[in-house]
Amino acid sequence: METHRRPGSPYRDPTPPVLDMTPEGEFRDPLPPPRSMLDRVLARLGGLALLLTLAVGGLLLVAVAIFFIGLLLPVAVGAGLVAFISLWWRMRRAQRDGTAPPIRFVVMRR
């Protein structure tokens, strides 16, 4: 049985921590524990999983872009068709009434 009591908790580790300091007075970080073979394999596997996730995310983004282009393309074609029919109808009506100006193509060269 111990006759002298030490301050602090009785369950505390009796060995004090090692404080490693540089000459400038800053603390050094402790050395990391050695990595096992399982740690290296899991790190490599995690890196491959991250790379695969980024690749699949990129493909998903391309697929969504193609989907939206596929939705917008018929709308653009339809709008162009409506504009063409509207202009064609106006030109036809103007020619019938005799108020259509002659169509001239001008080429500007610089």
N, C-alpha and C. Protein backbone atom coordinates (compact mmCIF):
# COMPACT_ATOMS: atom_id res chain seq x y z
N MET A 1 0.83 -1.16 0.00
CA MET A 1 0.00 0.00 0.00
C MET A 1 0.88 1.23 0.00
N GLU A 2 0.44 2.22 -0.74
CA GLU A 2 1.22 3.44 -0.88
C GLU A 2 0.96 4.36 0.32
N THR A 3 2.02 4.91 0.85
CA THR A 3 1.86 5.79 2.00
C THR A 3 1.71 7.25 1.61
N HIS A 4 2.18 7.62 0.42
CA HIS A 4 2.09 9.02 -0.03
C HIS A 4 1.08 9.13 -1.16
N ARG A 5 0.19 10.06 -1.04
CA ARG A 5 -0.80 10.28 -2.10
C ARG A 5 -0.26 11.25 -3.12
N ARG A 6 -0.52 10.96 -4.37
CA ARG A 6 -0.14 11.86 -5.46
C ARG A 6 -1.37 12.69 -5.84
N PRO A 7 -1.17 13.96 -6.23
CA PRO A 7 -2.33 14.77 -6.62
C PRO A 7 -2.94 14.27 -7.92
N GLY A 8 -4.23 14.46 -8.05
CA GLY A 8 -4.91 14.07 -9.28
C GLY A 8 -5.71 12.81 -9.10
N SER A 9 -6.22 12.32 -10.20
CA SER A 9 -7.07 11.14 -10.18
C SER A 9 -6.25 9.89 -9.89
N PRO A 10 -6.78 8.96 -9.12
CA PRO A 10 -6.03 7.73 -8.86
C PRO A 10 -5.96 6.83 -10.10
N TYR A 11 -6.81 7.08 -11.10
CA TYR A 11 -6.82 6.27 -12.31
C TYR A 11 -5.94 6.87 -13.42
N ARG A 12 -5.27 7.94 -13.12
CA ARG A 12 -4.44 8.61 -14.11
C ARG A 12 -3.19 7.78 -14.38
N ASP A 13 -2.69 7.87 -15.62
CA ASP A 13 -1.47 7.17 -15.99
C ASP A 13 -0.31 7.80 -15.22
N PRO A 14 0.48 6.99 -14.49
CA PRO A 14 1.54 7.56 -13.65
C PRO A 14 2.71 8.12 -14.46
N THR A 15 2.85 7.74 -15.74
CA THR A 15 3.97 8.29 -16.53
C THR A 15 3.53 9.58 -17.19
N PRO A 16 4.30 10.64 -17.03
CA PRO A 16 3.90 11.92 -17.63
C PRO A 16 4.10 11.88 -19.15
N PRO A 17 3.37 12.70 -19.89
CA PRO A 17 3.54 12.72 -21.35
C PRO A 17 4.89 13.35 -21.71
N VAL A 18 5.42 12.94 -22.86
CA VAL A 18 6.69 13.47 -23.34
C VAL A 18 6.38 14.71 -24.17
N LEU A 19 6.95 15.83 -23.80
CA LEU A 19 6.77 17.08 -24.53
C LEU A 19 8.05 17.36 -25.29
N ASP A 20 8.00 17.24 -26.59
CA ASP A 20 9.18 17.46 -27.42
C ASP A 20 9.09 18.86 -27.99
N MET A 21 10.09 19.71 -27.69
CA MET A 21 10.07 21.10 -28.12
C MET A 21 11.26 21.39 -29.02
N THR A 22 11.04 22.32 -29.95
CA THR A 22 12.12 22.80 -30.80
C THR A 22 12.89 23.87 -30.04
N PRO A 23 14.09 24.25 -30.53
CA PRO A 23 14.83 25.33 -29.86
C PRO A 23 14.08 26.66 -29.83
N GLU A 24 13.13 26.86 -30.76
CA GLU A 24 12.36 28.11 -30.77
C GLU A 24 11.23 28.10 -29.76
N GLY A 25 10.97 26.96 -29.12
CA GLY A 25 9.94 26.87 -28.10
C GLY A 25 8.61 26.35 -28.61
N GLU A 26 8.56 25.83 -29.85
CA GLU A 26 7.33 25.27 -30.38
C GLU A 26 7.31 23.77 -30.14
N PHE A 27 6.10 23.24 -29.98
CA PHE A 27 5.98 21.81 -29.75
C PHE A 27 6.06 21.06 -31.08
N ARG A 28 6.69 19.92 -31.05
CA ARG A 28 6.74 19.05 -32.22
C ARG A 28 5.58 18.09 -32.15
N ASP A 29 5.05 17.76 -33.32
CA ASP A 29 3.97 16.77 -33.37
C ASP A 29 4.56 15.38 -33.13
N PRO A 30 3.81 14.52 -32.48
CA PRO A 30 4.31 13.16 -32.28
C PRO A 30 4.37 12.42 -33.61
N LEU A 31 5.24 11.43 -33.69
CA LEU A 31 5.36 10.65 -34.91
C LEU A 31 4.08 9.85 -35.13
N PRO A 32 3.64 9.77 -36.38
CA PRO A 32 2.44 8.98 -36.63
C PRO A 32 2.74 7.50 -36.43
N PRO A 33 1.74 6.73 -36.04
CA PRO A 33 1.98 5.30 -35.84
C PRO A 33 2.30 4.65 -37.18
N PRO A 34 3.06 3.58 -37.18
CA PRO A 34 3.40 2.92 -38.44
C PRO A 34 2.15 2.36 -39.11
N ARG A 35 2.11 2.46 -40.43
CA ARG A 35 0.95 1.99 -41.18
C ARG A 35 1.09 0.52 -41.49
N SER A 36 0.02 -0.18 -41.31
CA SER A 36 0.05 -1.62 -41.60
C SER A 36 -0.31 -1.85 -43.06
N MET A 37 -0.21 -3.08 -43.48
CA MET A 37 -0.54 -3.44 -44.86
C MET A 37 -2.03 -3.19 -45.13
N LEU A 38 -2.88 -3.46 -44.12
CA LEU A 38 -4.31 -3.23 -44.28
C LEU A 38 -4.60 -1.74 -44.49
N ASP A 39 -3.89 -0.87 -43.77
CA ASP A 39 -4.08 0.58 -43.95
C ASP A 39 -3.75 1.00 -45.37
N ARG A 40 -2.66 0.48 -45.91
CA ARG A 40 -2.26 0.84 -47.27
C ARG A 40 -3.27 0.33 -48.30
N VAL A 41 -3.75 -0.88 -48.11
CA VAL A 41 -4.74 -1.44 -49.04
C VAL A 41 -6.04 -0.64 -48.98
N LEU A 42 -6.49 -0.31 -47.77
CA LEU A 42 -7.73 0.46 -47.63
C LEU A 42 -7.58 1.87 -48.19
N ALA A 43 -6.41 2.47 -48.04
CA ALA A 43 -6.18 3.80 -48.61
C ALA A 43 -6.22 3.74 -50.14
N ARG A 44 -5.61 2.73 -50.72
CA ARG A 44 -5.63 2.58 -52.17
C ARG A 44 -7.05 2.31 -52.66
N LEU A 45 -7.78 1.47 -51.95
CA LEU A 45 -9.15 1.15 -52.31
C LEU A 45 -10.04 2.39 -52.20
N GLY A 46 -9.83 3.19 -51.16
CA GLY A 46 -10.60 4.43 -51.02
C GLY A 46 -10.31 5.41 -52.13
N GLY A 47 -9.05 5.50 -52.54
CA GLY A 47 -8.70 6.38 -53.66
C GLY A 47 -9.35 5.94 -54.95
N LEU A 48 -9.36 4.63 -55.20
CA LEU A 48 -10.01 4.12 -56.41
C LEU A 48 -11.52 4.36 -56.36
N ALA A 49 -12.12 4.21 -55.18
CA ALA A 49 -13.56 4.45 -55.05
C ALA A 49 -13.89 5.92 -55.31
N LEU A 50 -13.03 6.82 -54.82
CA LEU A 50 -13.25 8.24 -55.06
C LEU A 50 -13.12 8.57 -56.54
N LEU A 51 -12.12 8.00 -57.21
CA LEU A 51 -11.94 8.22 -58.64
C LEU A 51 -13.13 7.69 -59.43
N LEU A 52 -13.61 6.52 -59.06
CA LEU A 52 -14.77 5.95 -59.73
C LEU A 52 -16.02 6.80 -59.50
N THR A 53 -16.18 7.33 -58.29
CA THR A 53 -17.32 8.19 -57.99
C THR A 53 -17.28 9.46 -58.84
N LEU A 54 -16.10 10.06 -58.98
CA LEU A 54 -15.98 11.27 -59.79
C LEU A 54 -16.27 10.98 -61.26
N ALA A 55 -15.81 9.84 -61.76
CA ALA A 55 -16.07 9.47 -63.16
C ALA A 55 -17.55 9.25 -63.39
N VAL A 56 -18.22 8.54 -62.49
CA VAL A 56 -19.65 8.30 -62.64
C VAL A 56 -20.43 9.61 -62.51
N GLY A 57 -20.00 10.49 -61.63
CA GLY A 57 -20.65 11.80 -61.52
C GLY A 57 -20.52 12.61 -62.79
N GLY A 58 -19.34 12.56 -63.42
CA GLY A 58 -19.14 13.25 -64.70
C GLY A 58 -20.03 12.68 -65.79
N LEU A 59 -20.13 11.35 -65.84
CA LEU A 59 -21.01 10.73 -66.84
C LEU A 59 -22.47 11.09 -66.59
N LEU A 60 -22.85 11.15 -65.34
CA LEU A 60 -24.23 11.54 -65.00
C LEU A 60 -24.51 12.98 -65.44
N LEU A 61 -23.54 13.86 -65.24
CA LEU A 61 -23.71 15.25 -65.66
C LEU A 61 -23.86 15.34 -67.17
N VAL A 62 -23.05 14.58 -67.91
CA VAL A 62 -23.16 14.56 -69.37
C VAL A 62 -24.52 14.01 -69.80
N ALA A 63 -24.99 12.95 -69.13
CA ALA A 63 -26.28 12.37 -69.47
C ALA A 63 -27.42 13.36 -69.22
N VAL A 64 -27.35 14.10 -68.12
CA VAL A 64 -28.39 15.10 -67.84
C VAL A 64 -28.36 16.21 -68.87
N ALA A 65 -27.16 16.63 -69.29
CA ALA A 65 -27.05 17.68 -70.31
C ALA A 65 -27.64 17.20 -71.63
N ILE A 66 -27.33 15.97 -72.02
CA ILE A 66 -27.89 15.43 -73.27
C ILE A 66 -29.41 15.32 -73.17
N PHE A 67 -29.91 14.93 -72.01
CA PHE A 67 -31.35 14.84 -71.81
C PHE A 67 -32.02 16.20 -72.00
N PHE A 68 -31.46 17.25 -71.40
CA PHE A 68 -32.06 18.57 -71.53
C PHE A 68 -31.94 19.11 -72.95
N ILE A 69 -30.83 18.80 -73.62
CA ILE A 69 -30.72 19.21 -75.03
C ILE A 69 -31.77 18.48 -75.85
N GLY A 70 -31.99 17.20 -75.53
CA GLY A 70 -33.03 16.45 -76.23
C GLY A 70 -34.41 17.01 -76.00
N LEU A 71 -34.64 17.57 -74.82
CA LEU A 71 -35.94 18.20 -74.55
C LEU A 71 -36.07 19.55 -75.24
N LEU A 72 -34.99 20.31 -75.31
CA LEU A 72 -35.06 21.66 -75.86
C LEU A 72 -34.98 21.69 -77.38
N LEU A 73 -34.37 20.70 -77.99
CA LEU A 73 -34.22 20.70 -79.44
C LEU A 73 -35.56 20.70 -80.18
N PRO A 74 -36.53 19.86 -79.82
CA PRO A 74 -37.83 19.94 -80.50
C PRO A 74 -38.53 21.29 -80.29
N VAL A 75 -38.35 21.89 -79.14
CA VAL A 75 -38.95 23.21 -78.89
C VAL A 75 -38.33 24.25 -79.82
N ALA A 76 -37.01 24.21 -79.98
CA ALA A 76 -36.33 25.16 -80.86
C ALA A 76 -36.74 24.93 -82.32
N VAL A 77 -36.82 23.68 -82.73
CA VAL A 77 -37.25 23.39 -84.11
C VAL A 77 -38.69 23.85 -84.33
N GLY A 78 -39.55 23.61 -83.36
CA GLY A 78 -40.94 24.06 -83.47
C GLY A 78 -41.05 25.58 -83.56
N ALA A 79 -40.26 26.29 -82.73
CA ALA A 79 -40.29 27.76 -82.77
C ALA A 79 -39.78 28.27 -84.12
N GLY A 80 -38.74 27.63 -84.64
CA GLY A 80 -38.23 28.03 -85.96
C GLY A 80 -39.25 27.77 -87.06
N LEU A 81 -39.97 26.66 -86.96
CA LEU A 81 -41.01 26.34 -87.95
C LEU A 81 -42.15 27.35 -87.88
N VAL A 82 -42.56 27.72 -86.69
CA VAL A 82 -43.63 28.73 -86.54
C VAL A 82 -43.17 30.06 -87.12
N ALA A 83 -41.93 30.46 -86.87
CA ALA A 83 -41.42 31.72 -87.41
C ALA A 83 -41.35 31.67 -88.93
N PHE A 84 -40.90 30.54 -89.50
CA PHE A 84 -40.82 30.41 -90.95
C PHE A 84 -42.20 30.49 -91.59
N ILE A 85 -43.18 29.79 -91.00
CA ILE A 85 -44.54 29.81 -91.57
C ILE A 85 -45.14 31.20 -91.47
N SER A 86 -44.88 31.90 -90.37
CA SER A 86 -45.41 33.25 -90.20
C SER A 86 -44.82 34.19 -91.25
N LEU A 87 -43.52 34.12 -91.47
CA LEU A 87 -42.89 34.99 -92.48
C LEU A 87 -43.35 34.59 -93.89
N TRP A 88 -43.45 33.30 -94.14
CA TRP A 88 -43.89 32.85 -95.46
C TRP A 88 -45.30 33.33 -95.75
N TRP A 89 -46.19 33.24 -94.72
CA TRP A 89 -47.57 33.67 -94.91
C TRP A 89 -47.66 35.17 -95.16
N ARG A 90 -46.89 35.96 -94.46
CA ARG A 90 -46.90 37.41 -94.66
C ARG A 90 -46.39 37.77 -96.06
N MET A 91 -45.31 37.10 -96.50
CA MET A 91 -44.77 37.39 -97.84
C MET A 91 -45.80 37.00 -98.91
N ARG A 92 -46.48 35.88 -98.73
CA ARG A 92 -47.47 35.41 -99.69
C ARG A 92 -48.63 36.40 -99.77
N ARG A 93 -49.10 36.87 -98.60
CA ARG A 93 -50.20 37.82 -98.56
C ARG A 93 -49.79 39.17 -99.16
N ALA A 94 -48.54 39.59 -98.89
CA ALA A 94 -48.07 40.86 -99.44
C ALA A 94 -47.91 40.77 -100.96
N GLN A 95 -47.46 39.63 -101.47
CA GLN A 95 -47.34 39.48 -102.93
C GLN A 95 -48.72 39.46 -103.58
N ARG A 96 -49.68 38.86 -102.92
CA ARG A 96 -51.04 38.80 -103.46
C ARG A 96 -51.66 40.20 -103.52
N ASP A 97 -51.36 41.02 -102.47
CA ASP A 97 -51.90 42.38 -102.43
C ASP A 97 -51.08 43.34 -103.29
N GLY A 98 -49.90 42.93 -103.71
CA GLY A 98 -49.05 43.78 -104.53
C GLY A 98 -48.24 44.78 -103.72
N THR A 99 -48.14 44.60 -102.41
CA THR A 99 -47.39 45.54 -101.57
C THR A 99 -46.04 44.98 -101.15
N ALA A 100 -45.65 43.86 -101.69
CA ALA A 100 -44.39 43.23 -101.26
C ALA A 100 -43.22 43.92 -101.94
N PRO A 101 -42.24 44.34 -101.18
CA PRO A 101 -41.04 44.91 -101.81
C PRO A 101 -40.24 43.76 -102.43
N PRO A 102 -39.48 44.07 -103.48
CA PRO A 102 -38.66 43.01 -104.07
C PRO A 102 -37.56 42.58 -103.09
N ILE A 103 -37.27 41.31 -103.10
CA ILE A 103 -36.26 40.78 -102.19
C ILE A 103 -34.90 40.95 -102.85
N ARG A 104 -34.00 41.62 -102.17
CA ARG A 104 -32.65 41.84 -102.69
C ARG A 104 -31.64 41.31 -101.68
N PHE A 105 -30.66 40.64 -102.18
CA PHE A 105 -29.57 40.15 -101.34
C PHE A 105 -28.40 41.08 -101.52
N VAL A 106 -27.85 41.55 -100.41
CA VAL A 106 -26.72 42.48 -100.44
C VAL A 106 -25.51 41.77 -99.83
N VAL A 107 -24.41 41.79 -100.59
CA VAL A 107 -23.17 41.20 -100.10
C VAL A 107 -22.19 42.34 -99.87
N MET A 108 -21.74 42.47 -98.65
CA MET A 108 -20.77 43.53 -98.31
C MET A 108 -19.38 42.94 -98.22
N ARG A 109 -18.47 43.53 -98.98
CA ARG A 109 -17.08 43.07 -98.95
C ARG A 109 -16.23 44.15 -98.33
N ARG A 110 -15.32 43.73 -97.50
CA ARG A 110 -14.42 44.71 -96.86
C ARG A 110 -13.00 44.43 -97.22
